[in-house]
Every structure is written in structure tokens, then in C-alpha cells.
Amino acid sequence: MDFHYLVTQPDLNAHGTLHGGILTKWIDESCGMFARLLTRKVCVTRHIGNIDFVATSKLGDTLKTHVDLLKVGNTSITFSGFVLDAITFKKIADFESFVFVAIDENGVPAKIKQLHNCL
């Protein structure tokens, strides 16, 4: 599943390029939205694996996060993917493991009974 983000002024670091923490936040949000759509449950970040920052982005760039479903456990769901410049298709980053846990209304891990079609 793909999500898009626009690089704006508050997203820049002291060098005038996209801050790595902001990109990590966007990847986390993309995976979290996908987890919510698939499970129909509130899902929280459990683990962030390797992120390889390949290239920089600048003000005005539109980035596409592409999220792939890797694995579904009893209460967890794992994603990988990449980030591209949506105009030039230049690769910005790869991410290999973002793990989310479905929780119930009490914040306790909840079973993932089925995945829902979200397309």
C-alpha cells in the first residue's frame, strides 16, 4: 500500500534537507495506517528495525512510502518497504521491519482474527 507526504519547512534539518526523524515518523505512520486498515483494530508500534537512508529530499518534494505486509502473528503484524521521490522515482530509503501489535480498549494485546481487504 502506498502513502504520500509533502516535504515542508518544518520537516527540514539544519542542512535544509528532510530530517531523518521525520521520515521515520512518516514510515511509522504509513505502517500504522496499513495495520489499522488490515486488522480493523488499534495497532501500536512494537519494534522498528533497520532503516537505510539512501538519498536526501528537499523542500517541496513529494515522497511515496510503499508498505508491504511481511508477516501476521497472533497479535502482531510486520511490514517492510521503501520510500521514493514520487516524481523522479529516486529511492530515498528502505525499511525492513516495522512491527505493530493490535490492542483492545484496555491497551492489552488483542488477537488478529482476520485481515480485511483495504483496497
N, C-alpha and C. Protein backbone atom coordinates (compact mmCIF):
# COMPACT_ATOMS: atom_id res chain seq x y z
N MET A 1 0.85 -1.17 0.00
CA MET A 1 0.00 0.00 0.00
C MET A 1 0.90 1.23 0.00
N ASP A 2 0.45 2.27 -0.69
CA ASP A 2 1.25 3.49 -0.81
C ASP A 2 0.59 4.66 -0.09
N PHE A 3 1.42 5.51 0.49
CA PHE A 3 1.00 6.74 1.14
C PHE A 3 1.93 7.85 0.66
N HIS A 4 1.43 9.08 0.60
CA HIS A 4 2.23 10.21 0.10
C HIS A 4 2.38 11.29 1.14
N TYR A 5 3.55 11.93 1.12
CA TYR A 5 3.87 13.01 2.05
C TYR A 5 4.57 14.13 1.28
N LEU A 6 4.29 15.36 1.64
CA LEU A 6 4.93 16.53 1.05
C LEU A 6 5.95 17.08 2.03
N VAL A 7 7.18 17.29 1.58
CA VAL A 7 8.23 17.85 2.43
C VAL A 7 8.01 19.35 2.53
N THR A 8 7.74 19.83 3.76
CA THR A 8 7.51 21.25 4.00
C THR A 8 8.56 21.78 4.98
N GLN A 9 8.52 23.08 5.20
CA GLN A 9 9.54 23.76 6.01
C GLN A 9 9.80 23.11 7.38
N PRO A 10 8.77 22.78 8.14
CA PRO A 10 9.08 22.22 9.48
C PRO A 10 9.74 20.84 9.44
N ASP A 11 9.78 20.19 8.26
CA ASP A 11 10.34 18.84 8.13
C ASP A 11 11.84 18.85 7.88
N LEU A 12 12.43 20.04 7.70
CA LEU A 12 13.84 20.14 7.31
C LEU A 12 14.77 20.16 8.52
N ASN A 13 15.98 19.66 8.30
CA ASN A 13 17.01 19.71 9.34
C ASN A 13 17.87 20.97 9.14
N ALA A 14 18.93 21.08 9.90
CA ALA A 14 19.81 22.26 9.83
C ALA A 14 20.54 22.37 8.49
N HIS A 15 20.56 21.31 7.72
CA HIS A 15 21.23 21.31 6.42
C HIS A 15 20.26 21.62 5.28
N GLY A 16 18.98 21.83 5.62
CA GLY A 16 17.99 22.16 4.60
C GLY A 16 17.43 20.97 3.86
N THR A 17 17.66 19.76 4.39
CA THR A 17 17.10 18.56 3.78
C THR A 17 16.15 17.89 4.77
N LEU A 18 15.40 16.92 4.30
CA LEU A 18 14.43 16.23 5.14
C LEU A 18 15.13 15.58 6.33
N HIS A 19 14.63 15.85 7.52
CA HIS A 19 15.17 15.28 8.76
C HIS A 19 14.85 13.79 8.79
N GLY A 20 15.83 12.97 9.13
CA GLY A 20 15.65 11.53 9.18
C GLY A 20 14.57 11.10 10.16
N GLY A 21 14.43 11.83 11.25
CA GLY A 21 13.39 11.51 12.23
C GLY A 21 11.99 11.72 11.68
N ILE A 22 11.84 12.73 10.85
CA ILE A 22 10.54 12.99 10.21
C ILE A 22 10.22 11.86 9.25
N LEU A 23 11.22 11.44 8.46
CA LEU A 23 10.99 10.33 7.52
C LEU A 23 10.63 9.05 8.29
N THR A 24 11.30 8.81 9.40
CA THR A 24 10.99 7.64 10.21
C THR A 24 9.55 7.73 10.73
N LYS A 25 9.14 8.91 11.15
CA LYS A 25 7.76 9.12 11.61
C LYS A 25 6.77 8.80 10.49
N TRP A 26 7.06 9.25 9.27
CA TRP A 26 6.16 9.00 8.15
C TRP A 26 6.06 7.51 7.82
N ILE A 27 7.19 6.81 7.90
CA ILE A 27 7.18 5.37 7.66
C ILE A 27 6.34 4.69 8.74
N ASP A 28 6.54 5.10 9.99
CA ASP A 28 5.78 4.54 11.11
C ASP A 28 4.29 4.81 10.93
N GLU A 29 3.93 6.01 10.53
CA GLU A 29 2.51 6.35 10.28
C GLU A 29 1.93 5.50 9.16
N SER A 30 2.68 5.35 8.08
CA SER A 30 2.21 4.56 6.94
C SER A 30 1.96 3.11 7.34
N CYS A 31 2.91 2.52 8.04
CA CYS A 31 2.74 1.14 8.50
C CYS A 31 1.57 1.05 9.48
N GLY A 32 1.45 2.03 10.36
CA GLY A 32 0.36 2.03 11.34
C GLY A 32 -1.01 2.15 10.68
N MET A 33 -1.11 3.01 9.65
CA MET A 33 -2.39 3.14 8.94
C MET A 33 -2.74 1.84 8.23
N PHE A 34 -1.74 1.21 7.62
CA PHE A 34 -1.97 -0.05 6.92
C PHE A 34 -2.39 -1.14 7.92
N ALA A 35 -1.74 -1.18 9.08
CA ALA A 35 -2.10 -2.15 10.11
C ALA A 35 -3.55 -1.95 10.56
N ARG A 36 -3.93 -0.72 10.76
CA ARG A 36 -5.31 -0.40 11.19
C ARG A 36 -6.32 -0.83 10.12
N LEU A 37 -6.01 -0.55 8.85
CA LEU A 37 -6.91 -0.93 7.76
C LEU A 37 -7.05 -2.44 7.64
N LEU A 38 -5.94 -3.15 7.80
CA LEU A 38 -5.97 -4.61 7.66
C LEU A 38 -6.65 -5.31 8.82
N THR A 39 -6.42 -4.82 10.04
CA THR A 39 -6.91 -5.53 11.23
C THR A 39 -8.21 -4.97 11.78
N ARG A 40 -8.54 -3.73 11.41
CA ARG A 40 -9.70 -3.01 11.96
C ARG A 40 -9.57 -2.84 13.48
N LYS A 41 -8.32 -2.84 13.96
CA LYS A 41 -8.02 -2.66 15.38
C LYS A 41 -7.01 -1.53 15.54
N VAL A 42 -6.98 -0.94 16.73
CA VAL A 42 -5.91 -0.01 17.05
C VAL A 42 -4.63 -0.82 17.14
N CYS A 43 -3.59 -0.36 16.46
CA CYS A 43 -2.30 -1.05 16.46
C CYS A 43 -1.21 -0.07 16.89
N VAL A 44 -0.33 -0.53 17.74
CA VAL A 44 0.74 0.33 18.24
C VAL A 44 2.10 -0.21 17.82
N THR A 45 3.05 0.69 17.66
CA THR A 45 4.40 0.31 17.26
C THR A 45 5.05 -0.50 18.36
N ARG A 46 5.58 -1.65 18.00
CA ARG A 46 6.29 -2.51 18.95
C ARG A 46 7.78 -2.52 18.70
N HIS A 47 8.15 -2.47 17.42
CA HIS A 47 9.57 -2.58 17.07
C HIS A 47 9.83 -1.87 15.74
N ILE A 48 10.93 -1.16 15.67
CA ILE A 48 11.38 -0.57 14.41
C ILE A 48 12.74 -1.17 14.10
N GLY A 49 12.81 -1.87 12.96
CA GLY A 49 14.06 -2.50 12.55
C GLY A 49 14.91 -1.53 11.73
N ASN A 50 15.73 -2.06 10.88
CA ASN A 50 16.68 -1.26 10.11
C ASN A 50 16.00 -0.33 9.11
N ILE A 51 16.51 0.90 9.07
CA ILE A 51 16.14 1.86 8.04
C ILE A 51 17.43 2.27 7.36
N ASP A 52 17.47 2.16 6.05
CA ASP A 52 18.64 2.56 5.28
C ASP A 52 18.29 3.84 4.54
N PHE A 53 18.85 4.98 5.00
CA PHE A 53 18.62 6.26 4.34
C PHE A 53 19.56 6.35 3.14
N VAL A 54 18.99 6.24 1.95
CA VAL A 54 19.77 6.12 0.72
C VAL A 54 20.09 7.48 0.10
N ALA A 55 19.13 8.40 0.12
CA ALA A 55 19.31 9.71 -0.51
C ALA A 55 18.55 10.76 0.30
N THR A 56 18.80 12.02 0.00
CA THR A 56 18.13 13.11 0.70
C THR A 56 16.92 13.61 -0.08
N SER A 57 16.08 14.34 0.61
CA SER A 57 14.94 15.02 -0.01
C SER A 57 14.99 16.47 0.39
N LYS A 58 14.36 17.31 -0.42
CA LYS A 58 14.39 18.74 -0.13
C LYS A 58 12.98 19.32 -0.10
N LEU A 59 12.90 20.57 0.27
CA LEU A 59 11.65 21.28 0.37
C LEU A 59 10.85 21.15 -0.93
N GLY A 60 9.59 20.79 -0.81
CA GLY A 60 8.70 20.67 -1.97
C GLY A 60 8.64 19.30 -2.59
N ASP A 61 9.53 18.39 -2.20
CA ASP A 61 9.48 17.03 -2.74
C ASP A 61 8.22 16.31 -2.24
N THR A 62 7.66 15.49 -3.09
CA THR A 62 6.56 14.61 -2.69
C THR A 62 7.13 13.21 -2.60
N LEU A 63 6.98 12.60 -1.43
CA LEU A 63 7.52 11.27 -1.20
C LEU A 63 6.41 10.24 -1.11
N LYS A 64 6.71 9.05 -1.61
CA LYS A 64 5.76 7.94 -1.55
C LYS A 64 6.36 6.86 -0.67
N THR A 65 5.65 6.50 0.40
CA THR A 65 6.05 5.35 1.20
C THR A 65 5.29 4.14 0.66
N HIS A 66 6.02 3.10 0.34
CA HIS A 66 5.40 1.86 -0.12
C HIS A 66 5.58 0.83 0.99
N VAL A 67 4.47 0.28 1.48
CA VAL A 67 4.48 -0.64 2.61
C VAL A 67 4.02 -2.02 2.15
N ASP A 68 4.82 -3.04 2.46
CA ASP A 68 4.48 -4.43 2.16
C ASP A 68 4.23 -5.18 3.46
N LEU A 69 3.21 -6.02 3.46
CA LEU A 69 2.93 -6.89 4.59
C LEU A 69 3.92 -8.05 4.56
N LEU A 70 4.65 -8.25 5.65
CA LEU A 70 5.62 -9.34 5.72
C LEU A 70 5.08 -10.56 6.45
N LYS A 71 4.43 -10.32 7.59
CA LYS A 71 4.07 -11.44 8.45
C LYS A 71 2.93 -11.03 9.38
N VAL A 72 2.06 -11.98 9.66
CA VAL A 72 0.98 -11.77 10.62
C VAL A 72 1.11 -12.83 11.70
N GLY A 73 1.20 -12.37 12.96
CA GLY A 73 1.25 -13.28 14.10
C GLY A 73 -0.10 -13.31 14.80
N ASN A 74 -0.13 -13.82 16.01
CA ASN A 74 -1.38 -13.87 16.78
C ASN A 74 -1.89 -12.48 17.11
N THR A 75 -0.98 -11.60 17.55
CA THR A 75 -1.36 -10.23 17.91
C THR A 75 -0.55 -9.19 17.17
N SER A 76 0.43 -9.62 16.38
CA SER A 76 1.33 -8.67 15.73
C SER A 76 1.25 -8.75 14.21
N ILE A 77 1.72 -7.67 13.60
CA ILE A 77 1.74 -7.58 12.14
C ILE A 77 3.02 -6.84 11.76
N THR A 78 3.76 -7.38 10.80
CA THR A 78 5.08 -6.86 10.45
C THR A 78 5.10 -6.38 9.00
N PHE A 79 5.76 -5.24 8.80
CA PHE A 79 5.84 -4.61 7.48
C PHE A 79 7.29 -4.31 7.09
N SER A 80 7.51 -4.21 5.79
CA SER A 80 8.75 -3.70 5.23
C SER A 80 8.37 -2.79 4.08
N GLY A 81 9.35 -2.16 3.45
CA GLY A 81 9.04 -1.33 2.30
C GLY A 81 10.14 -0.36 1.94
N PHE A 82 9.74 0.68 1.24
CA PHE A 82 10.71 1.67 0.77
C PHE A 82 10.03 3.01 0.59
N VAL A 83 10.85 4.04 0.43
CA VAL A 83 10.37 5.40 0.20
C VAL A 83 11.00 5.89 -1.09
N LEU A 84 10.17 6.45 -1.97
CA LEU A 84 10.64 7.00 -3.25
C LEU A 84 10.22 8.45 -3.37
N ASP A 85 10.98 9.21 -4.16
CA ASP A 85 10.50 10.51 -4.62
C ASP A 85 9.40 10.19 -5.62
N ALA A 86 8.20 10.72 -5.40
CA ALA A 86 7.04 10.36 -6.23
C ALA A 86 7.13 10.91 -7.64
N ILE A 87 8.00 11.89 -7.88
CA ILE A 87 8.14 12.48 -9.21
C ILE A 87 9.29 11.84 -9.99
N THR A 88 10.46 11.73 -9.35
CA THR A 88 11.65 11.22 -10.04
C THR A 88 11.86 9.72 -9.86
N PHE A 89 11.13 9.12 -8.90
CA PHE A 89 11.26 7.70 -8.53
C PHE A 89 12.62 7.37 -7.92
N LYS A 90 13.37 8.40 -7.50
CA LYS A 90 14.64 8.18 -6.82
C LYS A 90 14.35 7.55 -5.46
N LYS A 91 15.09 6.49 -5.13
CA LYS A 91 14.90 5.83 -3.84
C LYS A 91 15.48 6.71 -2.74
N ILE A 92 14.70 6.93 -1.70
CA ILE A 92 15.11 7.75 -0.56
C ILE A 92 15.51 6.86 0.62
N ALA A 93 14.77 5.79 0.85
CA ALA A 93 15.07 4.91 1.99
C ALA A 93 14.45 3.54 1.78
N ASP A 94 15.04 2.55 2.46
CA ASP A 94 14.49 1.20 2.58
C ASP A 94 14.24 0.96 4.06
N PHE A 95 13.17 0.26 4.38
CA PHE A 95 12.95 -0.16 5.77
C PHE A 95 12.57 -1.62 5.76
N GLU A 96 13.13 -2.37 6.73
CA GLU A 96 12.97 -3.82 6.65
C GLU A 96 12.07 -4.44 7.69
N SER A 97 11.76 -3.73 8.77
CA SER A 97 10.94 -4.39 9.78
C SER A 97 10.30 -3.38 10.73
N PHE A 98 9.02 -3.15 10.53
CA PHE A 98 8.22 -2.35 11.46
C PHE A 98 7.14 -3.28 12.00
N VAL A 99 7.15 -3.52 13.30
CA VAL A 99 6.22 -4.46 13.92
C VAL A 99 5.20 -3.68 14.74
N PHE A 100 3.93 -4.02 14.55
CA PHE A 100 2.83 -3.41 15.28
C PHE A 100 2.08 -4.50 16.03
N VAL A 101 1.51 -4.13 17.17
CA VAL A 101 0.70 -5.04 17.97
C VAL A 101 -0.71 -4.46 18.04
N ALA A 102 -1.69 -5.31 17.75
CA ALA A 102 -3.10 -4.92 17.89
C ALA A 102 -3.43 -4.91 19.38
N ILE A 103 -4.18 -3.89 19.80
CA ILE A 103 -4.57 -3.81 21.21
C ILE A 103 -6.08 -3.63 21.34
N ASP A 104 -6.60 -4.01 22.51
CA ASP A 104 -8.02 -3.80 22.78
C ASP A 104 -8.22 -2.47 23.49
N GLU A 105 -9.44 -2.22 23.95
CA GLU A 105 -9.77 -0.94 24.58
C GLU A 105 -9.04 -0.72 25.90
N ASN A 106 -8.44 -1.78 26.47
CA ASN A 106 -7.69 -1.66 27.72
C ASN A 106 -6.18 -1.59 27.47
N GLY A 107 -5.78 -1.55 26.20
CA GLY A 107 -4.37 -1.50 25.87
C GLY A 107 -3.66 -2.84 25.96
N VAL A 108 -4.42 -3.90 26.01
CA VAL A 108 -3.88 -5.26 26.09
C VAL A 108 -3.80 -5.84 24.68
N PRO A 109 -2.71 -6.57 24.36
CA PRO A 109 -2.63 -7.18 23.03
C PRO A 109 -3.88 -8.00 22.71
N ALA A 110 -4.37 -7.80 21.48
CA ALA A 110 -5.61 -8.46 21.03
C ALA A 110 -5.30 -9.36 19.84
N LYS A 111 -5.97 -10.50 19.80
CA LYS A 111 -5.79 -11.44 18.68
C LYS A 111 -6.21 -10.79 17.36
N ILE A 112 -5.42 -11.07 16.34
CA ILE A 112 -5.78 -10.68 14.99
C ILE A 112 -6.48 -11.88 14.39
N LYS A 113 -7.78 -11.80 14.24
CA LYS A 113 -8.56 -12.95 13.79
C LYS A 113 -8.58 -13.08 12.27
N GLN A 114 -8.62 -11.95 11.60
CA GLN A 114 -8.62 -11.98 10.13
C GLN A 114 -8.10 -10.65 9.61
N LEU A 115 -7.62 -10.66 8.38
CA LEU A 115 -7.21 -9.44 7.72
C LEU A 115 -8.33 -9.01 6.78
N HIS A 116 -8.55 -7.72 6.72
CA HIS A 116 -9.62 -7.17 5.89
C HIS A 116 -9.02 -6.60 4.60
N ASN A 117 -9.76 -6.72 3.53
CA ASN A 117 -9.34 -6.12 2.28
C ASN A 117 -9.48 -4.60 2.40
N CYS A 118 -8.41 -3.89 2.15
CA CYS A 118 -8.44 -2.44 2.34
C CYS A 118 -8.24 -1.69 1.03
N LEU A 119 -8.38 -2.37 -0.08
CA LEU A 119 -8.19 -1.70 -1.37
C LEU A 119 -9.53 -1.25 -1.93
